[in-house]
């Protein structure tokens, strides 16, 4: 993804956005040891977040075969 630096140190809770990375996060997604996949969301320009897809146990089970 590259090397990054910031003008000030990051704090817990700071928002860091790496744009155009979806192809890395979803293609490499794994449910190894039951790790839940992250929900797919879209943050709108007005700040509202739309949940496009959530993953549950059925998704995990379907990937086993």
PDB file of N, CA and C in Angstrom:
ATOM      1  N   UNK A   1       0.820  -1.194   0.000  1.00  0.00           N
ATOM      2  CA  UNK A   1       0.000   0.000   0.000  1.00  0.00           C
ATOM      3  C   UNK A   1       0.858   1.249   0.000  1.00  0.00           C
ATOM      4  N   UNK A   2       2.106   1.147   0.334  1.00  0.00           N
ATOM      5  CA  UNK A   2       2.961   2.326   0.312  1.00  0.00           C
ATOM      6  C   UNK A   2       3.376   2.769   1.689  1.00  0.00           C
ATOM      7  N   UNK A   3       4.187   3.798   1.730  1.00  0.00           N
ATOM      8  CA  UNK A   3       4.635   4.392   2.984  1.00  0.00           C
ATOM      9  C   UNK A   3       3.876   5.693   3.211  1.00  0.00           C
ATOM     10  N   UNK A   4       3.462   5.913   4.432  1.00  0.00           N
ATOM     11  CA  UNK A   4       2.688   7.101   4.753  1.00  0.00           C
ATOM     12  C   UNK A   4       3.255   7.765   5.994  1.00  0.00           C
ATOM     13  N   UNK A   5       3.133   9.058   6.058  1.00  0.00           N
ATOM     14  CA  UNK A   5       3.485   9.795   7.262  1.00  0.00           C
ATOM     15  C   UNK A   5       2.420  10.870   7.467  1.00  0.00           C
ATOM     16  N   UNK A   6       2.341  11.350   8.680  1.00  0.00           N
ATOM     17  CA  UNK A   6       1.308  12.320   9.029  1.00  0.00           C
ATOM     18  C   UNK A   6       1.960  13.523   9.695  1.00  0.00           C
ATOM     19  N   UNK A   7       1.351  14.685   9.538  1.00  0.00           N
ATOM     20  CA  UNK A   7       1.892  15.913  10.124  1.00  0.00           C
ATOM     21  C   UNK A   7       1.946  15.853  11.643  1.00  0.00           C
ATOM     22  N   UNK A   8       0.968  15.171  12.246  1.00  0.00           N
ATOM     23  CA  UNK A   8       0.936  14.993  13.697  1.00  0.00           C
ATOM     24  C   UNK A   8       0.704  13.516  13.987  1.00  0.00           C
ATOM     25  N   UNK A   9       1.129  13.032  15.152  1.00  0.00           N
ATOM     26  CA  UNK A   9       0.900  11.624  15.486  1.00  0.00           C
ATOM     27  C   UNK A   9      -0.597  11.287  15.501  1.00  0.00           C
ATOM     28  N   UNK A  10      -0.914  10.082  15.074  1.00  0.00           N
ATOM     29  CA  UNK A  10      -2.305   9.642  15.105  1.00  0.00           C
ATOM     30  C   UNK A  10      -2.707   9.298  16.531  1.00  0.00           C
ATOM     31  N   UNK A  11      -3.979   9.506  16.820  1.00  0.00           N
ATOM     32  CA  UNK A  11      -4.539   9.166  18.123  1.00  0.00           C
ATOM     33  C   UNK A  11      -5.586   8.086  17.947  1.00  0.00           C
ATOM     34  N   UNK A  12      -5.830   7.326  19.016  1.00  0.00           N
ATOM     35  CA  UNK A  12      -6.899   6.328  18.981  1.00  0.00           C
ATOM     36  C   UNK A  12      -8.197   7.034  18.628  1.00  0.00           C
ATOM     37  N   UNK A  13      -8.911   6.473  17.645  1.00  0.00           N
ATOM     38  CA  UNK A  13     -10.183   7.052  17.210  1.00  0.00           C
ATOM     39  C   UNK A  13     -10.065   7.951  15.995  1.00  0.00           C
ATOM     40  N   UNK A  14      -8.833   8.328  15.611  1.00  0.00           N
ATOM     41  CA  UNK A  14      -8.656   9.125  14.394  1.00  0.00           C
ATOM     42  C   UNK A  14      -9.088   8.310  13.180  1.00  0.00           C
ATOM     43  N   UNK A  15      -9.677   8.977  12.212  1.00  0.00           N
ATOM     44  CA  UNK A  15     -10.108   8.310  10.999  1.00  0.00           C
ATOM     45  C   UNK A  15      -9.014   8.426   9.945  1.00  0.00           C
ATOM     46  N   UNK A  16      -8.589   7.276   9.418  1.00  0.00           N
ATOM     47  CA  UNK A  16      -7.615   7.224   8.336  1.00  0.00           C
ATOM     48  C   UNK A  16      -8.290   6.502   7.180  1.00  0.00           C
ATOM     49  N   UNK A  17      -8.315   7.121   6.014  1.00  0.00           N
ATOM     50  CA  UNK A  17      -8.989   6.537   4.855  1.00  0.00           C
ATOM     51  C   UNK A  17      -7.968   6.241   3.769  1.00  0.00           C
ATOM     52  N   UNK A  18      -7.896   4.982   3.371  1.00  0.00           N
ATOM     53  CA  UNK A  18      -7.103   4.579   2.222  1.00  0.00           C
ATOM     54  C   UNK A  18      -8.094   4.342   1.091  1.00  0.00           C
ATOM     55  N   UNK A  19      -8.161   5.265   0.162  1.00  0.00           N
ATOM     56  CA  UNK A  19      -9.144   5.175  -0.914  1.00  0.00           C
ATOM     57  C   UNK A  19      -8.741   4.132  -1.946  1.00  0.00           C
ATOM     58  N   UNK A  20      -9.739   3.618  -2.649  1.00  0.00           N
ATOM     59  CA  UNK A  20      -9.550   2.678  -3.751  1.00  0.00           C
ATOM     60  C   UNK A  20      -8.801   1.426  -3.307  1.00  0.00           C
ATOM     61  N   UNK A  21      -9.200   0.852  -2.168  1.00  0.00           N
ATOM     62  CA  UNK A  21      -8.548  -0.348  -1.645  1.00  0.00           C
ATOM     63  C   UNK A  21      -9.506  -1.541  -1.566  1.00  0.00           C
ATOM     64  N   UNK A  22     -10.732  -1.389  -2.050  1.00  0.00           N
ATOM     65  CA  UNK A  22     -11.721  -2.444  -1.900  1.00  0.00           C
ATOM     66  C   UNK A  22     -11.243  -3.764  -2.502  1.00  0.00           C
ATOM     67  N   UNK A  23     -10.543  -3.699  -3.610  1.00  0.00           N
ATOM     68  CA  UNK A  23     -10.093  -4.930  -4.254  1.00  0.00           C
ATOM     69  C   UNK A  23      -9.123  -5.701  -3.361  1.00  0.00           C
ATOM     70  N   UNK A  24      -8.426  -5.039  -2.476  1.00  0.00           N
ATOM     71  CA  UNK A  24      -7.540  -5.737  -1.550  1.00  0.00           C
ATOM     72  C   UNK A  24      -8.314  -6.295  -0.360  1.00  0.00           C
ATOM     73  N   UNK A  25      -9.241  -5.531   0.183  1.00  0.00           N
ATOM     74  CA  UNK A  25      -9.921  -5.955   1.401  1.00  0.00           C
ATOM     75  C   UNK A  25     -10.911  -7.080   1.167  1.00  0.00           C
ATOM     76  N   UNK A  26     -11.617  -7.090   0.063  1.00  0.00           N
ATOM     77  CA  UNK A  26     -12.626  -8.121  -0.148  1.00  0.00           C
ATOM     78  C   UNK A  26     -12.057  -9.370  -0.813  1.00  0.00           C
ATOM     79  N   UNK A  27     -11.102  -9.238  -1.697  1.00  0.00           N
ATOM     80  CA  UNK A  27     -10.529 -10.411  -2.353  1.00  0.00           C
ATOM     81  C   UNK A  27      -9.754 -11.253  -1.346  1.00  0.00           C
ATOM     82  N   UNK A  28      -9.083 -10.621  -0.432  1.00  0.00           N
ATOM     83  CA  UNK A  28      -8.263 -11.317   0.556  1.00  0.00           C
ATOM     84  C   UNK A  28      -9.038 -11.654   1.828  1.00  0.00           C
ATOM     85  N   UNK A  29     -10.345 -11.467   1.826  1.00  0.00           N
ATOM     86  CA  UNK A  29     -11.147 -11.720   3.017  1.00  0.00           C
ATOM     87  C   UNK A  29     -11.116 -13.203   3.369  1.00  0.00           C
ATOM     88  N   UNK A  30     -11.064 -13.486   4.654  1.00  0.00           N
ATOM     89  CA  UNK A  30     -11.029 -14.863   5.126  1.00  0.00           C
ATOM     90  C   UNK A  30     -11.940 -15.016   6.336  1.00  0.00           C
ATOM     91  N   UNK A  31     -12.461 -16.198   6.513  1.00  0.00           N
ATOM     92  CA  UNK A  31     -13.229 -16.501   7.720  1.00  0.00           C
ATOM     93  C   UNK A  31     -12.486 -17.529   8.565  1.00  0.00           C
ATOM     94  N   UNK A  32     -11.163 -17.602   8.394  1.00  0.00           N
ATOM     95  CA  UNK A  32     -10.337 -18.541   9.146  1.00  0.00           C
ATOM     96  C   UNK A  32     -10.613 -18.415  10.639  1.00  0.00           C
ATOM     97  N   UNK A  33     -10.818 -19.540  11.282  1.00  0.00           N
ATOM     98  CA  UNK A  33     -11.124 -19.597  12.720  1.00  0.00           C
ATOM     99  C   UNK A  33     -12.360 -18.795  13.092  1.00  0.00           C
ATOM    100  N   UNK A  34     -13.285 -18.658  12.150  1.00  0.00           N
ATOM    101  CA  UNK A  34     -14.545 -17.981  12.442  1.00  0.00           C
ATOM    102  C   UNK A  34     -14.456 -16.477  12.502  1.00  0.00           C
ATOM    103  N   UNK A  35     -13.372 -15.889  11.969  1.00  0.00           N
ATOM    104  CA  UNK A  35     -13.260 -14.433  11.941  1.00  0.00           C
ATOM    105  C   UNK A  35     -14.385 -13.877  11.087  1.00  0.00           C
ATOM    106  N   UNK A  36     -15.164 -12.981  11.632  1.00  0.00           N
ATOM    107  CA  UNK A  36     -16.297 -12.407  10.916  1.00  0.00           C
ATOM    108  C   UNK A  36     -15.806 -11.432   9.847  1.00  0.00           C
ATOM    109  N   UNK A  37     -16.376 -11.538   8.668  1.00  0.00           N
ATOM    110  CA  UNK A  37     -16.040 -10.597   7.608  1.00  0.00           C
ATOM    111  C   UNK A  37     -16.617  -9.220   7.934  1.00  0.00           C
ATOM    112  N   UNK A  38     -15.934  -8.157   7.544  1.00  0.00           N
ATOM    113  CA  UNK A  38     -16.468  -6.815   7.810  1.00  0.00           C
ATOM    114  C   UNK A  38     -17.668  -6.532   6.919  1.00  0.00           C
ATOM    115  N   UNK A  39     -18.554  -5.719   7.410  1.00  0.00           N
ATOM    116  CA  UNK A  39     -19.682  -5.277   6.590  1.00  0.00           C
ATOM    117  C   UNK A  39     -19.170  -4.371   5.481  1.00  0.00           C
ATOM    118  N   UNK A  40     -19.874  -4.367   4.363  1.00  0.00           N
ATOM    119  CA  UNK A  40     -19.544  -3.455   3.279  1.00  0.00           C
ATOM    120  C   UNK A  40     -20.442  -2.233   3.442  1.00  0.00           C
ATOM    121  N   UNK A  41     -19.819  -1.065   3.553  1.00  0.00           N
ATOM    122  CA  UNK A  41     -20.565   0.172   3.759  1.00  0.00           C
ATOM    123  C   UNK A  41     -20.110   1.242   2.782  1.00  0.00           C
ATOM    124  N   UNK A  42     -20.960   2.221   2.620  1.00  0.00           N
ATOM    125  CA  UNK A  42     -20.627   3.384   1.807  1.00  0.00           C
ATOM    126  C   UNK A  42     -20.869   4.613   2.664  1.00  0.00           C
ATOM    127  N   UNK A  43     -19.840   5.455   2.797  1.00  0.00           N
ATOM    128  CA  UNK A  43     -20.025   6.714   3.514  1.00  0.00           C
ATOM    129  C   UNK A  43     -20.429   7.774   2.500  1.00  0.00           C
ATOM    130  N   UNK A  44     -21.599   8.328   2.700  1.00  0.00           N
ATOM    131  CA  UNK A  44     -22.134   9.353   1.799  1.00  0.00           C
ATOM    132  C   UNK A  44     -21.453  10.699   2.067  1.00  0.00           C
ATOM    133  N   UNK A  45     -21.574  11.590   1.119  1.00  0.00           N
ATOM    134  CA  UNK A  45     -20.948  12.914   1.263  1.00  0.00           C
ATOM    135  C   UNK A  45     -21.467  13.673   2.476  1.00  0.00           C
ATOM    136  N   UNK A  46     -22.723  13.388   2.883  1.00  0.00           N
ATOM    137  CA  UNK A  46     -23.287  14.086   4.039  1.00  0.00           C
ATOM    138  C   UNK A  46     -22.868  13.446   5.371  1.00  0.00           C
ATOM    139  N   UNK A  47     -22.029  12.388   5.308  1.00  0.00           N
ATOM    140  CA  UNK A  47     -21.539  11.741   6.515  1.00  0.00           C
ATOM    141  C   UNK A  47     -22.327  10.517   6.932  1.00  0.00           C
ATOM    142  N   UNK A  48     -23.517  10.327   6.367  1.00  0.00           N
ATOM    143  CA  UNK A  48     -24.296   9.130   6.689  1.00  0.00           C
ATOM    144  C   UNK A  48     -23.627   7.897   6.098  1.00  0.00           C
ATOM    145  N   UNK A  49     -23.759   6.773   6.794  1.00  0.00           N
ATOM    146  CA  UNK A  49     -23.157   5.515   6.352  1.00  0.00           C
ATOM    147  C   UNK A  49     -24.272   4.549   5.976  1.00  0.00           C
ATOM    148  N   UNK A  50     -24.200   4.028   4.763  1.00  0.00           N
ATOM    149  CA  UNK A  50     -25.176   3.056   4.277  1.00  0.00           C
ATOM    150  C   UNK A  50     -24.535   1.664   4.317  1.00  0.00           C
ATOM    151  N   UNK A  51     -25.177   0.730   5.014  1.00  0.00           N
ATOM    152  CA  UNK A  51     -24.694  -0.649   5.053  1.00  0.00           C
ATOM    153  C   UNK A  51     -25.210  -1.355   3.807  1.00  0.00           C
ATOM    154  N   UNK A  52     -24.282  -1.804   2.955  1.00  0.00           N
ATOM    155  CA  UNK A  52     -24.644  -2.446   1.697  1.00  0.00           C
ATOM    156  C   UNK A  52     -24.775  -3.954   1.891  1.00  0.00           C
ATOM    157  N   UNK A  53     -23.905  -4.537   2.722  1.00  0.00           N
ATOM    158  CA  UNK A  53     -23.907  -5.999   2.908  1.00  0.00           C
ATOM    159  C   UNK A  53     -23.314  -6.332   4.264  1.00  0.00           C
ATOM    160  N   UNK A  54     -23.986  -7.217   4.985  1.00  0.00           N
ATOM    161  CA  UNK A  54     -23.460  -7.750   6.239  1.00  0.00           C
ATOM    162  C   UNK A  54     -23.288  -9.254   6.075  1.00  0.00           C
ATOM    163  N   UNK A  55     -22.360  -9.822   6.810  1.00  0.00           N
ATOM    164  CA  UNK A  55     -22.073 -11.244   6.707  1.00  0.00           C
ATOM    165  C   UNK A  55     -22.376 -11.933   8.029  1.00  0.00           C
ATOM    166  N   UNK A  56     -22.937 -13.112   7.948  1.00  0.00           N
ATOM    167  CA  UNK A  56     -23.278 -13.863   9.143  1.00  0.00           C
ATOM    168  C   UNK A  56     -22.815 -15.302   9.048  1.00  0.00           C
ATOM    169  N   UNK A  57     -23.353 -16.137   9.930  1.00  0.00           N
ATOM    170  CA  UNK A  57     -22.951 -17.527   9.994  1.00  0.00           C
ATOM    171  C   UNK A  57     -23.225 -18.262   8.682  1.00  0.00           C
ATOM    172  N   UNK A  58     -24.337 -17.983   8.029  1.00  0.00           N
ATOM    173  CA  UNK A  58     -24.677 -18.658   6.768  1.00  0.00           C
ATOM    174  C   UNK A  58     -23.606 -18.414   5.717  1.00  0.00           C
ATOM    175  N   UNK A  59     -23.067 -17.227   5.656  1.00  0.00           N
ATOM    176  CA  UNK A  59     -21.996 -16.936   4.709  1.00  0.00           C
ATOM    177  C   UNK A  59     -20.756 -17.771   5.018  1.00  0.00           C
ATOM    178  N   UNK A  60     -20.429 -17.881   6.306  1.00  0.00           N
ATOM    179  CA  UNK A  60     -19.302 -18.715   6.727  1.00  0.00           C
ATOM    180  C   UNK A  60     -19.535 -20.165   6.327  1.00  0.00           C
ATOM    181  N   UNK A  61     -20.724 -20.665   6.638  1.00  0.00           N
ATOM    182  CA  UNK A  61     -21.064 -22.061   6.354  1.00  0.00           C
ATOM    183  C   UNK A  61     -21.012 -22.337   4.847  1.00  0.00           C
ATOM    184  N   UNK A  62     -21.520 -21.419   4.043  1.00  0.00           N
ATOM    185  CA  UNK A  62     -21.538 -21.599   2.587  1.00  0.00           C
ATOM    186  C   UNK A  62     -20.147 -21.637   1.982  1.00  0.00           C
ATOM    187  N   UNK A  63     -19.165 -21.028   2.636  1.00  0.00           N
ATOM    188  CA  UNK A  63     -17.794 -21.022   2.111  1.00  0.00           C
ATOM    189  C   UNK A  63     -17.044 -22.313   2.417  1.00  0.00           C
ATOM    190  N   UNK A  64     -17.616 -23.152   3.276  1.00  0.00           N
ATOM    191  CA  UNK A  64     -16.922 -24.389   3.654  1.00  0.00           C
ATOM    192  C   UNK A  64     -16.947 -25.437   2.553  1.00  0.00           C
ATOM    193  N   UNK A  65     -17.911 -25.360   1.664  1.00  0.00           N
ATOM    194  CA  UNK A  65     -17.995 -26.392   0.628  1.00  0.00           C
ATOM    195  C   UNK A  65     -17.779 -25.833  -0.766  1.00  0.00           C
TER     196      UNK A  65
END
